[in-house]
C-alpha cells in the first residue's frame, strides 16, 4: 500500500502546513519577537549550527507511527494526541542530539555523532 502511505503522508503534510499557518496568524506580536530572536540567533550562530537548526525545523516524526505507539501503549489515540506526542518526541530527540553534540565537542571530536556520544 505505498500509494496509501504516500497519500496519508501528503495529507499529514498539508495538515501540518495548515496548522503552522493558523499558529502564525495567532501569534501576531509574538511573531515579531520570535523574528527578532531568530535574527539574533542567525547573527551569532555558526554555519553548522544554522544548518542543524534548519534541519530540526524541517524534521518531523510520522503521525501514523505516533498514533500506533499511543494505541499500543495507552489503548486509545486521537489525531491531537498524535500531534502532541510527535512534538514531544521531536523535542526529546533534539535534546539527545544537543547533549551528544556537546559530548563530542568536549571530547575534541568533529563530524557525525556516534553512539558513544549518547552515553
PDB file of N, CA and C in Angstrom:
ATOM      1  N   UNK A   1       0.817  -1.194   0.000  1.00  0.00           N
ATOM      2  CA  UNK A   1       0.000   0.000   0.000  1.00  0.00           C
ATOM      3  C   UNK A   1       0.862   1.260   0.000  1.00  0.00           C
ATOM      4  N   UNK A   2       1.914   1.315  -0.858  1.00  0.00           N
ATOM      5  CA  UNK A   2       2.742   2.521  -0.907  1.00  0.00           C
ATOM      6  C   UNK A   2       1.951   3.760  -1.292  1.00  0.00           C
ATOM      7  N   UNK A   3       0.949   3.598  -2.204  1.00  0.00           N
ATOM      8  CA  UNK A   3       0.155   4.751  -2.616  1.00  0.00           C
ATOM      9  C   UNK A   3      -0.668   5.295  -1.453  1.00  0.00           C
ATOM     10  N   UNK A   4      -1.208   4.390  -0.626  1.00  0.00           N
ATOM     11  CA  UNK A   4      -1.995   4.800   0.532  1.00  0.00           C
ATOM     12  C   UNK A   4      -1.095   5.535   1.526  1.00  0.00           C
ATOM     13  N   UNK A   5       0.099   5.004   1.759  1.00  0.00           N
ATOM     14  CA  UNK A   5       1.037   5.654   2.675  1.00  0.00           C
ATOM     15  C   UNK A   5       1.459   7.014   2.146  1.00  0.00           C
ATOM     16  N   UNK A   6       1.729   7.098   0.853  1.00  0.00           N
ATOM     17  CA  UNK A   6       2.135   8.373   0.254  1.00  0.00           C
ATOM     18  C   UNK A   6       1.012   9.397   0.363  1.00  0.00           C
ATOM     19  N   UNK A   7      -0.220   8.951   0.121  1.00  0.00           N
ATOM     20  CA  UNK A   7      -1.374   9.858   0.219  1.00  0.00           C
ATOM     21  C   UNK A   7      -1.569  10.317   1.661  1.00  0.00           C
ATOM     22  N   UNK A   8      -1.435   9.396   2.612  1.00  0.00           N
ATOM     23  CA  UNK A   8      -1.573   9.748   4.029  1.00  0.00           C
ATOM     24  C   UNK A   8      -0.494  10.760   4.423  1.00  0.00           C
ATOM     25  N   UNK A   9       0.727  10.525   3.982  1.00  0.00           N
ATOM     26  CA  UNK A   9       1.821  11.444   4.304  1.00  0.00           C
ATOM     27  C   UNK A   9       1.578  12.814   3.682  1.00  0.00           C
ATOM     28  N   UNK A  10       1.064  12.832   2.436  1.00  0.00           N
ATOM     29  CA  UNK A  10       0.781  14.103   1.776  1.00  0.00           C
ATOM     30  C   UNK A  10      -0.298  14.869   2.546  1.00  0.00           C
ATOM     31  N   UNK A  11      -1.361  14.145   2.978  1.00  0.00           N
ATOM     32  CA  UNK A  11      -2.419  14.800   3.759  1.00  0.00           C
ATOM     33  C   UNK A  11      -1.878  15.322   5.082  1.00  0.00           C
ATOM     34  N   UNK A  12      -1.031  14.539   5.741  1.00  0.00           N
ATOM     35  CA  UNK A  12      -0.448  14.987   7.010  1.00  0.00           C
ATOM     36  C   UNK A  12       0.417  16.213   6.798  1.00  0.00           C
ATOM     37  N   UNK A  13       1.172  16.253   5.705  1.00  0.00           N
ATOM     38  CA  UNK A  13       1.984  17.434   5.400  1.00  0.00           C
ATOM     39  C   UNK A  13       1.102  18.657   5.212  1.00  0.00           C
ATOM     40  N   UNK A  14      -0.005  18.482   4.477  1.00  0.00           N
ATOM     41  CA  UNK A  14      -0.926  19.601   4.265  1.00  0.00           C
ATOM     42  C   UNK A  14      -1.542  20.053   5.586  1.00  0.00           C
ATOM     43  N   UNK A  15      -1.925  19.100   6.442  1.00  0.00           N
ATOM     44  CA  UNK A  15      -2.484  19.443   7.747  1.00  0.00           C
ATOM     45  C   UNK A  15      -1.451  20.177   8.594  1.00  0.00           C
ATOM     46  N   UNK A  16      -0.200  19.718   8.555  1.00  0.00           N
ATOM     47  CA  UNK A  16       0.863  20.382   9.305  1.00  0.00           C
ATOM     48  C   UNK A  16       1.063  21.807   8.809  1.00  0.00           C
ATOM     49  N   UNK A  17       1.068  21.972   7.480  1.00  0.00           N
ATOM     50  CA  UNK A  17       1.229  23.310   6.909  1.00  0.00           C
ATOM     51  C   UNK A  17       0.073  24.218   7.323  1.00  0.00           C
ATOM     52  N   UNK A  18      -1.149  23.672   7.283  1.00  0.00           N
ATOM     53  CA  UNK A  18      -2.325  24.441   7.680  1.00  0.00           C
ATOM     54  C   UNK A  18      -2.238  24.833   9.148  1.00  0.00           C
ATOM     55  N   UNK A  19      -1.833  23.895   9.987  1.00  0.00           N
ATOM     56  CA  UNK A  19      -1.689  24.171  11.416  1.00  0.00           C
ATOM     57  C   UNK A  19      -0.649  25.260  11.655  1.00  0.00           C
ATOM     58  N   UNK A  20       0.467  25.169  10.952  1.00  0.00           N
ATOM     59  CA  UNK A  20       1.517  26.184  11.110  1.00  0.00           C
ATOM     60  C   UNK A  20       1.011  27.561  10.683  1.00  0.00           C
ATOM     61  N   UNK A  21       0.251  27.631   9.606  1.00  0.00           N
ATOM     62  CA  UNK A  21      -0.304  28.910   9.159  1.00  0.00           C
ATOM     63  C   UNK A  21      -1.251  29.490  10.205  1.00  0.00           C
ATOM     64  N   UNK A  22      -2.110  28.630  10.770  1.00  0.00           N
ATOM     65  CA  UNK A  22      -3.039  29.113  11.804  1.00  0.00           C
ATOM     66  C   UNK A  22      -2.282  29.593  13.032  1.00  0.00           C
ATOM     67  N   UNK A  23      -1.255  28.855  13.415  1.00  0.00           N
ATOM     68  CA  UNK A  23      -0.458  29.278  14.574  1.00  0.00           C
ATOM     69  C   UNK A  23       0.229  30.609  14.320  1.00  0.00           C
ATOM     70  N   UNK A  24       0.757  30.783  13.113  1.00  0.00           N
ATOM     71  CA  UNK A  24       1.422  32.045  12.765  1.00  0.00           C
ATOM     72  C   UNK A  24       0.448  33.212  12.849  1.00  0.00           C
ATOM     73  N   UNK A  25      -0.774  33.013  12.371  1.00  0.00           N
ATOM     74  CA  UNK A  25      -1.775  34.099  12.440  1.00  0.00           C
ATOM     75  C   UNK A  25      -2.106  34.426  13.888  1.00  0.00           C
ATOM     76  N   UNK A  26      -2.157  33.408  14.744  1.00  0.00           N
ATOM     77  CA  UNK A  26      -2.474  33.619  16.155  1.00  0.00           C
ATOM     78  C   UNK A  26      -1.375  34.372  16.887  1.00  0.00           C
ATOM     79  N   UNK A  27      -0.176  34.126  16.506  1.00  0.00           N
ATOM     80  CA  UNK A  27       0.950  34.661  17.262  1.00  0.00           C
ATOM     81  C   UNK A  27       1.021  36.180  17.211  1.00  0.00           C
ATOM     82  N   UNK A  28       0.720  36.774  16.078  1.00  0.00           N
ATOM     83  CA  UNK A  28       0.690  38.228  15.968  1.00  0.00           C
ATOM     84  C   UNK A  28       1.965  38.880  16.465  1.00  0.00           C
ATOM     85  N   UNK A  29       1.873  39.597  17.586  1.00  0.00           N
ATOM     86  CA  UNK A  29       3.015  40.326  18.146  1.00  0.00           C
ATOM     87  C   UNK A  29       4.138  39.380  18.553  1.00  0.00           C
ATOM     88  N   UNK A  30       3.772  38.190  19.006  1.00  0.00           N
ATOM     89  CA  UNK A  30       4.791  37.214  19.381  1.00  0.00           C
ATOM     90  C   UNK A  30       5.660  36.852  18.184  1.00  0.00           C
ATOM     91  N   UNK A  31       5.057  36.865  17.010  1.00  0.00           N
ATOM     92  CA  UNK A  31       5.787  36.542  15.792  1.00  0.00           C
ATOM     93  C   UNK A  31       6.924  37.530  15.562  1.00  0.00           C
ATOM     94  N   UNK A  32       6.664  38.800  15.833  1.00  0.00           N
ATOM     95  CA  UNK A  32       7.701  39.812  15.679  1.00  0.00           C
ATOM     96  C   UNK A  32       8.843  39.542  16.645  1.00  0.00           C
ATOM     97  N   UNK A  33       8.515  39.210  17.874  1.00  0.00           N
ATOM     98  CA  UNK A  33       9.542  38.912  18.887  1.00  0.00           C
ATOM     99  C   UNK A  33      10.334  37.672  18.483  1.00  0.00           C
ATOM    100  N   UNK A  34       9.651  36.645  17.975  1.00  0.00           N
ATOM    101  CA  UNK A  34      10.344  35.438  17.545  1.00  0.00           C
ATOM    102  C   UNK A  34      11.257  35.746  16.359  1.00  0.00           C
ATOM    103  N   UNK A  35      10.822  36.615  15.483  1.00  0.00           N
ATOM    104  CA  UNK A  35      11.670  37.005  14.347  1.00  0.00           C
ATOM    105  C   UNK A  35      12.944  37.681  14.847  1.00  0.00           C
ATOM    106  N   UNK A  36      12.802  38.513  15.854  1.00  0.00           N
ATOM    107  CA  UNK A  36      13.971  39.177  16.432  1.00  0.00           C
ATOM    108  C   UNK A  36      14.914  38.158  17.057  1.00  0.00           C
ATOM    109  N   UNK A  37      14.357  37.200  17.782  1.00  0.00           N
ATOM    110  CA  UNK A  37      15.179  36.164  18.415  1.00  0.00           C
ATOM    111  C   UNK A  37      15.878  35.331  17.350  1.00  0.00           C
ATOM    112  N   UNK A  38      15.136  34.949  16.308  1.00  0.00           N
ATOM    113  CA  UNK A  38      15.723  34.159  15.228  1.00  0.00           C
ATOM    114  C   UNK A  38      16.827  34.937  14.538  1.00  0.00           C
ATOM    115  N   UNK A  39      16.603  36.223  14.282  1.00  0.00           N
ATOM    116  CA  UNK A  39      17.617  37.052  13.633  1.00  0.00           C
ATOM    117  C   UNK A  39      18.879  37.114  14.493  1.00  0.00           C
ATOM    118  N   UNK A  40      18.707  37.284  15.795  1.00  0.00           N
ATOM    119  CA  UNK A  40      19.861  37.334  16.701  1.00  0.00           C
ATOM    120  C   UNK A  40      20.595  35.998  16.697  1.00  0.00           C
ATOM    121  N   UNK A  41      19.854  34.904  16.746  1.00  0.00           N
ATOM    122  CA  UNK A  41      20.469  33.577  16.682  1.00  0.00           C
ATOM    123  C   UNK A  41      21.246  33.414  15.378  1.00  0.00           C
ATOM    124  N   UNK A  42      20.624  33.792  14.276  1.00  0.00           N
ATOM    125  CA  UNK A  42      21.272  33.659  12.961  1.00  0.00           C
ATOM    126  C   UNK A  42      22.543  34.509  12.888  1.00  0.00           C
ATOM    127  N   UNK A  43      22.546  35.614  13.593  1.00  0.00           N
ATOM    128  CA  UNK A  43      23.716  36.509  13.584  1.00  0.00           C
ATOM    129  C   UNK A  43      24.897  35.900  14.325  1.00  0.00           C
ATOM    130  N   UNK A  44      24.631  35.189  15.436  1.00  0.00           N
ATOM    131  CA  UNK A  44      25.722  34.690  16.271  1.00  0.00           C
ATOM    132  C   UNK A  44      26.047  33.214  16.061  1.00  0.00           C
ATOM    133  N   UNK A  45      25.151  32.481  15.407  1.00  0.00           N
ATOM    134  CA  UNK A  45      25.356  31.035  15.235  1.00  0.00           C
ATOM    135  C   UNK A  45      26.365  30.759  14.125  1.00  0.00           C
ATOM    136  N   UNK A  46      27.046  29.637  14.283  1.00  0.00           N
ATOM    137  CA  UNK A  46      27.960  29.204  13.232  1.00  0.00           C
ATOM    138  C   UNK A  46      27.143  28.640  12.070  1.00  0.00           C
ATOM    139  N   UNK A  47      27.787  28.468  10.944  1.00  0.00           N
ATOM    140  CA  UNK A  47      27.105  27.903   9.775  1.00  0.00           C
ATOM    141  C   UNK A  47      26.573  26.500  10.084  1.00  0.00           C
ATOM    142  N   UNK A  48      27.371  25.726  10.815  1.00  0.00           N
ATOM    143  CA  UNK A  48      26.955  24.369  11.185  1.00  0.00           C
ATOM    144  C   UNK A  48      25.717  24.399  12.085  1.00  0.00           C
ATOM    145  N   UNK A  49      25.679  25.327  13.043  1.00  0.00           N
ATOM    146  CA  UNK A  49      24.533  25.439  13.930  1.00  0.00           C
ATOM    147  C   UNK A  49      23.279  25.851  13.159  1.00  0.00           C
ATOM    148  N   UNK A  50      23.433  26.783  12.236  1.00  0.00           N
ATOM    149  CA  UNK A  50      22.292  27.202  11.424  1.00  0.00           C
ATOM    150  C   UNK A  50      21.757  26.047  10.586  1.00  0.00           C
ATOM    151  N   UNK A  51      22.655  25.269  10.022  1.00  0.00           N
ATOM    152  CA  UNK A  51      22.249  24.123   9.215  1.00  0.00           C
ATOM    153  C   UNK A  51      21.511  23.095  10.064  1.00  0.00           C
ATOM    154  N   UNK A  52      22.032  22.823  11.275  1.00  0.00           N
ATOM    155  CA  UNK A  52      21.367  21.873  12.174  1.00  0.00           C
ATOM    156  C   UNK A  52      19.981  22.378  12.574  1.00  0.00           C
ATOM    157  N   UNK A  53      19.888  23.687  12.852  1.00  0.00           N
ATOM    158  CA  UNK A  53      18.609  24.267  13.246  1.00  0.00           C
ATOM    159  C   UNK A  53      17.594  24.150  12.114  1.00  0.00           C
ATOM    160  N   UNK A  54      18.007  24.426  10.903  1.00  0.00           N
ATOM    161  CA  UNK A  54      17.102  24.314   9.754  1.00  0.00           C
ATOM    162  C   UNK A  54      16.655  22.866   9.567  1.00  0.00           C
ATOM    163  N   UNK A  55      17.566  21.916   9.747  1.00  0.00           N
ATOM    164  CA  UNK A  55      17.196  20.503   9.654  1.00  0.00           C
ATOM    165  C   UNK A  55      16.184  20.149  10.743  1.00  0.00           C
ATOM    166  N   UNK A  56      16.399  20.673  11.939  1.00  0.00           N
ATOM    167  CA  UNK A  56      15.486  20.411  13.056  1.00  0.00           C
ATOM    168  C   UNK A  56      14.099  20.965  12.743  1.00  0.00           C
ATOM    169  N   UNK A  57      14.036  22.178  12.222  1.00  0.00           N
ATOM    170  CA  UNK A  57      12.754  22.785  11.895  1.00  0.00           C
ATOM    171  C   UNK A  57      11.994  21.982  10.843  1.00  0.00           C
ATOM    172  N   UNK A  58      12.714  21.449   9.866  1.00  0.00           N
ATOM    173  CA  UNK A  58      12.080  20.707   8.780  1.00  0.00           C
ATOM    174  C   UNK A  58      11.727  19.268   9.153  1.00  0.00           C
ATOM    175  N   UNK A  59      12.330  18.749  10.200  1.00  0.00           N
ATOM    176  CA  UNK A  59      12.107  17.345  10.545  1.00  0.00           C
ATOM    177  C   UNK A  59      10.779  17.157  11.265  1.00  0.00           C
ATOM    178  N   UNK A  60      10.240  15.971  11.120  1.00  0.00           N
ATOM    179  CA  UNK A  60       9.036  15.613  11.870  1.00  0.00           C
ATOM    180  C   UNK A  60       8.956  14.102  11.955  1.00  0.00           C
ATOM    181  N   UNK A  61       8.291  13.640  12.980  1.00  0.00           N
ATOM    182  CA  UNK A  61       8.089  12.208  13.165  1.00  0.00           C
ATOM    183  C   UNK A  61       6.723  11.845  12.594  1.00  0.00           C
ATOM    184  N   UNK A  62       6.620  10.704  11.939  1.00  0.00           N
ATOM    185  CA  UNK A  62       5.348  10.335  11.292  1.00  0.00           C
ATOM    186  C   UNK A  62       4.211  10.175  12.302  1.00  0.00           C
ATOM    187  N   UNK A  63       3.133  10.900  12.053  1.00  0.00           N
ATOM    188  CA  UNK A  63       1.997  10.836  12.967  1.00  0.00           C
ATOM    189  C   UNK A  63       1.369   9.460  13.017  1.00  0.00           C
ATOM    190  N   UNK A  64       1.380   8.756  11.896  1.00  0.00           N
ATOM    191  CA  UNK A  64       0.797   7.406  11.887  1.00  0.00           C
ATOM    192  C   UNK A  64       1.528   6.511  12.893  1.00  0.00           C
ATOM    193  N   UNK A  65       2.845   6.630  12.929  1.00  0.00           N
ATOM    194  CA  UNK A  65       3.635   5.841  13.880  1.00  0.00           C
ATOM    195  C   UNK A  65       3.336   6.269  15.314  1.00  0.00           C
ATOM    196  N   UNK A  66       3.132   7.564  15.527  1.00  0.00           N
ATOM    197  CA  UNK A  66       2.817   8.054  16.871  1.00  0.00           C
ATOM    198  C   UNK A  66       1.430   7.568  17.307  1.00  0.00           C
ATOM    199  N   UNK A  67       0.477   7.571  16.372  1.00  0.00           N
ATOM    200  CA  UNK A  67      -0.860   7.054  16.696  1.00  0.00           C
ATOM    201  C   UNK A  67      -0.785   5.578  17.074  1.00  0.00           C
ATOM    202  N   UNK A  68      -0.023   4.805  16.309  1.00  0.00           N
ATOM    203  CA  UNK A  68       0.115   3.372  16.591  1.00  0.00           C
ATOM    204  C   UNK A  68       0.788   3.158  17.947  1.00  0.00           C
ATOM    205  N   UNK A  69       1.835   3.923  18.218  1.00  0.00           N
ATOM    206  CA  UNK A  69       2.518   3.808  19.506  1.00  0.00           C
ATOM    207  C   UNK A  69       1.556   4.112  20.649  1.00  0.00           C
ATOM    208  N   UNK A  70       0.807   5.190  20.531  1.00  0.00           N
ATOM    209  CA  UNK A  70      -0.155   5.539  21.587  1.00  0.00           C
ATOM    210  C   UNK A  70      -1.211   4.446  21.742  1.00  0.00           C
ATOM    211  N   UNK A  71      -1.690   3.923  20.615  1.00  0.00           N
ATOM    212  CA  UNK A  71      -2.696   2.862  20.661  1.00  0.00           C
ATOM    213  C   UNK A  71      -2.144   1.646  21.393  1.00  0.00           C
ATOM    214  N   UNK A  72      -0.888   1.290  21.093  1.00  0.00           N
ATOM    215  CA  UNK A  72      -0.267   0.127  21.721  1.00  0.00           C
ATOM    216  C   UNK A  72      -0.017   0.337  23.213  1.00  0.00           C
ATOM    217  N   UNK A  73       0.393   1.538  23.585  1.00  0.00           N
ATOM    218  CA  UNK A  73       0.766   1.803  24.975  1.00  0.00           C
ATOM    219  C   UNK A  73      -0.434   2.168  25.841  1.00  0.00           C
ATOM    220  N   UNK A  74      -1.257   3.079  25.339  1.00  0.00           N
ATOM    221  CA  UNK A  74      -2.347   3.623  26.145  1.00  0.00           C
ATOM    222  C   UNK A  74      -3.667   2.898  25.895  1.00  0.00           C
ATOM    223  N   UNK A  75      -3.842   2.397  24.680  1.00  0.00           N
ATOM    224  CA  UNK A  75      -5.087   1.720  24.354  1.00  0.00           C
ATOM    225  C   UNK A  75      -6.038   2.562  23.541  1.00  0.00           C
ATOM    226  N   UNK A  76      -5.731   3.852  23.381  1.00  0.00           N
ATOM    227  CA  UNK A  76      -6.543   4.727  22.536  1.00  0.00           C
ATOM    228  C   UNK A  76      -5.648   5.834  22.002  1.00  0.00           C
ATOM    229  N   UNK A  77      -6.123   6.453  20.929  1.00  0.00           N
ATOM    230  CA  UNK A  77      -5.328   7.517  20.333  1.00  0.00           C
ATOM    231  C   UNK A  77      -6.235   8.431  19.524  1.00  0.00           C
ATOM    232  N   UNK A  78      -5.897   9.698  19.517  1.00  0.00           N
ATOM    233  CA  UNK A  78      -6.597  10.671  18.678  1.00  0.00           C
ATOM    234  C   UNK A  78      -5.551  11.401  17.844  1.00  0.00           C
ATOM    235  N   UNK A  79      -6.010  12.100  16.843  1.00  0.00           N
ATOM    236  CA  UNK A  79      -5.102  12.865  15.988  1.00  0.00           C
ATOM    237  C   UNK A  79      -4.363  13.928  16.803  1.00  0.00           C
ATOM    238  N   UNK A  80      -5.084  14.593  17.684  1.00  0.00           N
ATOM    239  CA  UNK A  80      -4.475  15.638  18.514  1.00  0.00           C
ATOM    240  C   UNK A  80      -3.393  15.049  19.416  1.00  0.00           C
ATOM    241  N   UNK A  81      -3.668  13.901  19.995  1.00  0.00           N
ATOM    242  CA  UNK A  81      -2.674  13.230  20.837  1.00  0.00           C
ATOM    243  C   UNK A  81      -1.446  12.832  20.025  1.00  0.00           C
ATOM    244  N   UNK A  82      -1.665  12.377  18.795  1.00  0.00           N
ATOM    245  CA  UNK A  82      -0.545  12.001  17.928  1.00  0.00           C
ATOM    246  C   UNK A  82       0.325  13.218  17.623  1.00  0.00           C
ATOM    247  N   UNK A  83      -0.297  14.367  17.403  1.00  0.00           N
ATOM    248  CA  UNK A  83       0.456  15.600  17.146  1.00  0.00           C
ATOM    249  C   UNK A  83       1.269  15.980  18.375  1.00  0.00           C
ATOM    250  N   UNK A  84       0.651  15.897  19.535  1.00  0.00           N
ATOM    251  CA  UNK A  84       1.350  16.245  20.778  1.00  0.00           C
ATOM    252  C   UNK A  84       2.505  15.288  21.028  1.00  0.00           C
ATOM    253  N   UNK A  85       2.270  14.001  20.859  1.00  0.00           N
ATOM    254  CA  UNK A  85       3.330  13.017  21.061  1.00  0.00           C
ATOM    255  C   UNK A  85       4.468  13.244  20.070  1.00  0.00           C
ATOM    256  N   UNK A  86       4.138  13.547  18.829  1.00  0.00           N
ATOM    257  CA  UNK A  86       5.176  13.834  17.822  1.00  0.00           C
ATOM    258  C   UNK A  86       6.019  15.030  18.240  1.00  0.00           C
ATOM    259  N   UNK A  87       5.358  16.067  18.749  1.00  0.00           N
ATOM    260  CA  UNK A  87       6.076  17.263  19.195  1.00  0.00           C
ATOM    261  C   UNK A  87       7.002  16.956  20.364  1.00  0.00           C
ATOM    262  N   UNK A  88       6.486  16.202  21.324  1.00  0.00           N
ATOM    263  CA  UNK A  88       7.314  15.838  22.478  1.00  0.00           C
ATOM    264  C   UNK A  88       8.494  14.966  22.067  1.00  0.00           C
ATOM    265  N   UNK A  89       8.238  14.024  21.185  1.00  0.00           N
ATOM    266  CA  UNK A  89       9.311  13.142  20.724  1.00  0.00           C
ATOM    267  C   UNK A  89      10.367  13.935  19.958  1.00  0.00           C
ATOM    268  N   UNK A  90       9.934  14.884  19.153  1.00  0.00           N
ATOM    269  CA  UNK A  90      10.877  15.716  18.405  1.00  0.00           C
ATOM    270  C   UNK A  90      11.743  16.537  19.368  1.00  0.00           C
ATOM    271  N   UNK A  91      11.121  17.093  20.402  1.00  0.00           N
ATOM    272  CA  UNK A  91      11.888  17.840  21.403  1.00  0.00           C
ATOM    273  C   UNK A  91      12.896  16.945  22.107  1.00  0.00           C
ATOM    274  N   UNK A  92      12.466  15.732  22.448  1.00  0.00           N
ATOM    275  CA  UNK A  92      13.348  14.788  23.117  1.00  0.00           C
ATOM    276  C   UNK A  92      14.542  14.430  22.228  1.00  0.00           C
ATOM    277  N   UNK A  93      14.287  14.142  20.978  1.00  0.00           N
ATOM    278  CA  UNK A  93      15.367  13.825  20.047  1.00  0.00           C
ATOM    279  C   UNK A  93      16.306  15.022  19.911  1.00  0.00           C
ATOM    280  N   UNK A  94      15.737  16.230  19.871  1.00  0.00           N
ATOM    281  CA  UNK A  94      16.567  17.437  19.806  1.00  0.00           C
ATOM    282  C   UNK A  94      17.492  17.554  21.006  1.00  0.00           C
ATOM    283  N   UNK A  95      16.954  17.261  22.196  1.00  0.00           N
ATOM    284  CA  UNK A  95      17.772  17.290  23.413  1.00  0.00           C
ATOM    285  C   UNK A  95      18.870  16.232  23.360  1.00  0.00           C
ATOM    286  N   UNK A  96      18.537  15.038  22.888  1.00  0.00           N
ATOM    287  CA  UNK A  96      19.540  13.979  22.760  1.00  0.00           C
ATOM    288  C   UNK A  96      20.675  14.398  21.828  1.00  0.00           C
ATOM    289  N   UNK A  97      20.313  14.960  20.702  1.00  0.00           N
ATOM    290  CA  UNK A  97      21.321  15.380  19.727  1.00  0.00           C
ATOM    291  C   UNK A  97      22.174  16.507  20.300  1.00  0.00           C
ATOM    292  N   UNK A  98      21.534  17.463  20.972  1.00  0.00           N
ATOM    293  CA  UNK A  98      22.289  18.568  21.565  1.00  0.00           C
ATOM    294  C   UNK A  98      23.278  18.064  22.614  1.00  0.00           C
ATOM    295  N   UNK A  99      22.837  17.155  23.474  1.00  0.00           N
ATOM    296  CA  UNK A  99      23.710  16.580  24.500  1.00  0.00           C
ATOM    297  C   UNK A  99      24.851  15.786  23.866  1.00  0.00           C
ATOM    298  N   UNK A 100      24.532  15.015  22.841  1.00  0.00           N
ATOM    299  CA  UNK A 100      25.562  14.232  22.145  1.00  0.00           C
ATOM    300  C   UNK A 100      26.559  15.151  21.447  1.00  0.00           C
ATOM    301  N   UNK A 101      26.073  16.240  20.866  1.00  0.00           N
ATOM    302  CA  UNK A 101      26.968  17.198  20.187  1.00  0.00           C
ATOM    303  C   UNK A 101      27.913  17.830  21.206  1.00  0.00           C
ATOM    304  N   UNK A 102      27.402  18.155  22.397  1.00  0.00           N
ATOM    305  CA  UNK A 102      28.252  18.722  23.455  1.00  0.00           C
ATOM    306  C   UNK A 102      29.304  17.707  23.894  1.00  0.00           C
ATOM    307  N   UNK A 103      28.913  16.450  24.035  1.00  0.00           N
ATOM    308  CA  UNK A 103      29.861  15.398  24.435  1.00  0.00           C
ATOM    309  C   UNK A 103      30.953  15.242  23.383  1.00  0.00           C
ATOM    310  N   UNK A 104      30.578  15.289  22.114  1.00  0.00           N
ATOM    311  CA  UNK A 104      31.560  15.157  21.037  1.00  0.00           C
ATOM    312  C   UNK A 104      32.520  16.339  21.048  1.00  0.00           C
ATOM    313  N   UNK A 105      32.001  17.522  21.273  1.00  0.00           N
ATOM    314  CA  UNK A 105      32.846  18.718  21.317  1.00  0.00           C
ATOM    315  C   UNK A 105      33.818  18.656  22.488  1.00  0.00           C
ATOM    316  N   UNK A 106      33.320  18.232  23.664  1.00  0.00           N
ATOM    317  CA  UNK A 106      34.200  18.102  24.841  1.00  0.00           C
ATOM    318  C   UNK A 106      35.309  17.093  24.592  1.00  0.00           C
ATOM    319  N   UNK A 107      35.000  16.057  23.821  1.00  0.00           N
ATOM    320  CA  UNK A 107      35.997  15.020  23.515  1.00  0.00           C
ATOM    321  C   UNK A 107      36.917  15.458  22.377  1.00  0.00           C
ATOM    322  N   UNK A 108      36.677  16.665  21.846  1.00  0.00           N
ATOM    323  CA  UNK A 108      37.512  17.174  20.757  1.00  0.00           C
ATOM    324  C   UNK A 108      37.241  16.501  19.429  1.00  0.00           C
ATOM    325  N   UNK A 109      36.068  15.947  19.270  1.00  0.00           N
ATOM    326  CA  UNK A 109      35.721  15.231  18.046  1.00  0.00           C
ATOM    327  C   UNK A 109      34.799  16.069  17.175  1.00  0.00           C
ATOM    328  N   UNK A 110      34.958  15.922  15.877  1.00  0.00           N
ATOM    329  CA  UNK A 110      34.100  16.597  14.912  1.00  0.00           C
ATOM    330  C   UNK A 110      33.479  15.553  14.005  1.00  0.00           C
ATOM    331  N   UNK A 111      32.513  15.966  13.205  1.00  0.00           N
ATOM    332  CA  UNK A 111      31.894  15.038  12.273  1.00  0.00           C
ATOM    333  C   UNK A 111      30.623  14.436  12.826  1.00  0.00           C
ATOM    334  N   UNK A 112      30.172  13.366  12.199  1.00  0.00           N
ATOM    335  CA  UNK A 112      28.904  12.746  12.610  1.00  0.00           C
ATOM    336  C   UNK A 112      28.962  12.246  14.047  1.00  0.00           C
ATOM    337  N   UNK A 113      27.813  12.310  14.708  1.00  0.00           N
ATOM    338  CA  UNK A 113      27.723  11.785  16.070  1.00  0.00           C
ATOM    339  C   UNK A 113      27.787  10.268  16.053  1.00  0.00           C
ATOM    340  N   UNK A 114      28.345   9.714  17.102  1.00  0.00           N
ATOM    341  CA  UNK A 114      28.488   8.276  17.258  1.00  0.00           C
ATOM    342  C   UNK A 114      27.706   7.835  18.491  1.00  0.00           C
ATOM    343  N   UNK A 115      27.344   6.557  18.579  1.00  0.00           N
ATOM    344  CA  UNK A 115      26.595   6.081  19.746  1.00  0.00           C
ATOM    345  C   UNK A 115      27.280   6.405  21.073  1.00  0.00           C
ATOM    346  N   UNK A 116      28.578   6.432  21.080  1.00  0.00           N
ATOM    347  CA  UNK A 116      29.296   6.719  22.335  1.00  0.00           C
ATOM    348  C   UNK A 116      29.011   8.142  22.843  1.00  0.00           C
ATOM    349  N   UNK A 117      28.636   9.034  21.965  1.00  0.00           N
ATOM    350  CA  UNK A 117      28.334  10.404  22.367  1.00  0.00           C
ATOM    351  C   UNK A 117      27.017  10.488  23.138  1.00  0.00           C
ATOM    352  N   UNK A 118      26.191   9.464  23.038  1.00  0.00           N
ATOM    353  CA  UNK A 118      24.899   9.445  23.744  1.00  0.00           C
ATOM    354  C   UNK A 118      25.002   8.871  25.136  1.00  0.00           C
ATOM    355  N   UNK A 119      26.100   8.245  25.451  1.00  0.00           N
ATOM    356  CA  UNK A 119      26.230   7.587  26.760  1.00  0.00           C
ATOM    357  C   UNK A 119      26.683   8.551  27.807  1.00  0.00           C
TER     358      UNK A 119
END
